[in-house]
Amino acid sequence: MKLLIINGPNLNLLGKREPGIYGDQTFKDFFATLQSQFSETKLSYFQSNIEGEIITEIQKADEDFDGVILNAGAYTHTSIGIGDAIKAITTPVVEVHISNTFGREEFRHQSYISPNAKGVILGFGLQSYELAIQSFLS
């Protein structure tokens, strides 16, 4: 099983960005934990603050991966292009969020990803990524 984790804008700042919401662990450190925990699964990781780069990675994933775990960050609520990219590929995508977006500002309640995703996992901190991986393995 080959899975690609894609993180969107500002998620490169995990560990120092709003630790009360996002925790104090960097994604690099957490990704190493995931690779150890799911050693039988080939995990890859991509992060960008640029919408077009995220779209390109989603499109490329259709050829190379069995699934995509996507935390598009703020683009979740604004990017029709990312939603369309997910709709255009056959590789399943699980949308994840570290925080419970429905417990935050109202604009975060809208997702252009959810209608085209295999599923949505949110509000479990970094464990949301673990749950997404498990969803592909079960």
Protein backbone atom coordinates (compact mmCIF):
# COMPACT_ATOMS: atom_id res chain seq x y z
CA MET A 1 0.00 0.00 0.00
CA LYS A 2 1.36 3.39 -1.02
CA LEU A 3 -0.18 6.49 0.57
CA LEU A 4 0.59 10.15 0.04
CA ILE A 5 -0.01 12.73 2.74
CA ILE A 6 -0.47 16.24 1.39
CA ASN A 7 -0.53 19.23 3.73
CA GLY A 8 -1.54 22.70 2.63
CA PRO A 9 -0.76 26.23 3.73
CA ASN A 10 0.77 26.99 7.11
CA LEU A 11 0.98 23.34 8.12
CA ASN A 12 4.74 23.63 7.72
CA LEU A 13 4.50 25.69 10.93
CA LEU A 14 3.14 22.84 13.06
CA GLY A 15 4.88 22.79 16.39
CA LYS A 16 4.92 26.55 16.72
CA ARG A 17 1.67 27.72 15.09
CA GLU A 18 -1.16 28.10 17.60
CA PRO A 19 -0.11 25.16 19.78
CA GLY A 20 -3.41 25.33 21.67
CA ILE A 21 -5.15 24.25 18.47
CA TYR A 22 -2.48 22.34 16.56
CA GLY A 23 -0.19 20.98 19.28
CA ASP A 24 3.53 21.44 19.77
CA GLN A 25 4.92 18.66 17.57
CA THR A 26 6.39 19.34 14.15
CA PHE A 27 4.95 17.39 11.26
CA LYS A 28 8.43 16.15 10.36
CA ASP A 29 8.72 14.49 13.78
CA PHE A 30 5.17 13.17 13.59
CA PHE A 31 5.74 11.80 10.08
CA ALA A 32 8.73 9.79 11.35
CA THR A 33 6.43 8.31 14.01
CA LEU A 34 3.86 7.41 11.34
CA GLN A 35 6.51 5.72 9.21
CA SER A 36 7.58 3.63 12.20
CA GLN A 37 4.01 2.84 13.27
CA PHE A 38 2.93 1.85 9.75
CA SER A 39 6.18 0.27 8.57
CA GLU A 40 4.39 -2.06 6.13
CA THR A 41 2.90 0.95 4.32
CA LYS A 42 4.91 3.15 1.97
CA LEU A 43 4.18 6.67 3.22
CA SER A 44 5.19 9.79 1.31
CA TYR A 45 4.73 13.39 2.31
CA PHE A 46 4.30 16.67 0.45
CA GLN A 47 3.59 20.13 1.84
CA SER A 48 3.02 23.39 0.00
CA ASN A 49 1.64 26.82 0.67
CA ILE A 50 0.84 27.12 -3.05
CA GLU A 51 -2.55 25.95 -4.33
CA GLY A 52 -1.34 24.99 -7.82
CA GLU A 53 1.42 22.78 -6.42
CA ILE A 54 -1.13 20.92 -4.30
CA ILE A 55 -3.35 20.39 -7.35
CA THR A 56 -0.39 19.05 -9.33
CA GLU A 57 0.50 16.59 -6.54
CA ILE A 58 -3.11 15.36 -6.39
CA GLN A 59 -3.08 14.77 -10.15
CA LYS A 60 0.29 12.96 -10.01
CA ALA A 61 -0.91 10.82 -7.11
CA ASP A 62 -3.48 9.19 -9.39
CA GLU A 63 -0.65 7.35 -11.16
CA ASP A 64 1.56 6.52 -8.20
CA PHE A 65 -0.47 5.99 -5.01
CA ASP A 66 -3.27 3.82 -3.63
CA GLY A 67 -4.65 6.70 -1.60
CA VAL A 68 -4.18 10.32 -0.60
CA ILE A 69 -4.58 11.85 2.84
CA LEU A 70 -5.21 15.54 2.35
CA ASN A 71 -5.17 18.36 4.86
CA ALA A 72 -5.60 21.31 2.54
CA GLY A 73 -5.61 23.77 5.44
CA ALA A 74 -7.40 27.00 4.59
CA TYR A 75 -7.70 25.91 0.93
CA THR A 76 -10.34 23.45 2.15
CA HIS A 77 -12.75 26.36 2.45
CA THR A 78 -11.77 28.31 -0.66
CA SER A 79 -10.36 26.10 -3.40
CA ILE A 80 -12.74 24.89 -6.03
CA GLY A 81 -9.62 23.87 -7.99
CA ILE A 82 -8.50 21.38 -5.34
CA GLY A 83 -12.02 19.99 -5.11
CA ASP A 84 -12.10 19.58 -8.90
CA ALA A 85 -8.69 17.85 -8.89
CA ILE A 86 -9.99 15.29 -6.41
CA LYS A 87 -13.07 14.76 -8.54
CA ALA A 88 -10.87 14.20 -11.61
CA ILE A 89 -8.79 11.32 -10.21
CA THR A 90 -9.72 7.75 -9.35
CA THR A 91 -7.37 7.43 -6.35
CA PRO A 92 -9.41 7.80 -3.16
CA VAL A 93 -8.76 10.86 -0.98
CA VAL A 94 -9.44 11.14 2.74
CA GLU A 95 -9.80 14.71 4.01
CA VAL A 96 -8.23 15.33 7.41
CA HIS A 97 -8.08 18.23 9.80
CA ILE A 98 -6.24 18.48 13.08
CA SER A 99 -8.90 20.67 14.68
CA ASN A 100 -12.66 20.30 14.66
CA THR A 101 -13.39 22.82 11.92
CA PHE A 102 -17.08 22.88 12.90
CA GLY A 103 -16.13 24.16 16.35
CA ARG A 104 -14.24 27.09 14.87
CA GLU A 105 -15.12 30.15 12.77
CA GLU A 106 -18.15 29.73 10.54
CA PHE A 107 -16.18 30.09 7.30
CA ARG A 108 -14.34 26.86 8.26
CA HIS A 109 -17.62 24.90 8.15
CA GLN A 110 -17.56 24.86 4.30
CA SER A 111 -15.39 22.29 2.48
CA TYR A 112 -14.84 22.03 -1.26
CA ILE A 113 -13.05 18.73 -0.63
CA SER A 114 -15.64 16.75 1.35
CA PRO A 115 -18.11 16.18 -1.51
CA ASN A 116 -15.42 14.35 -3.49
CA ALA A 117 -13.56 12.64 -0.64
CA LYS A 118 -13.83 9.01 0.40
CA GLY A 119 -14.27 10.28 3.95
CA VAL A 120 -13.51 13.07 6.39
CA ILE A 121 -11.66 12.82 9.71
CA LEU A 122 -11.33 15.89 11.90
CA GLY A 123 -10.83 17.05 15.42
CA PHE A 124 -8.50 14.33 16.72
CA GLY A 125 -5.28 16.32 16.57
CA LEU A 126 -2.45 14.66 14.70
CA GLN A 127 -4.17 11.33 15.36
CA SER A 128 -6.51 12.32 12.50
CA TYR A 129 -3.71 11.25 10.13
CA GLU A 130 -3.36 7.87 11.87
CA LEU A 131 -7.10 7.29 11.55
CA ALA A 132 -6.93 8.17 7.85
CA ILE A 133 -4.13 5.67 7.26
CA GLN A 134 -6.10 3.00 9.13
CA SER A 135 -9.12 3.73 6.92
CA PHE A 136 -7.08 2.65 3.89
CA LEU A 137 -5.73 -0.47 5.59
CA SER A 138 -9.05 -1.88 6.81
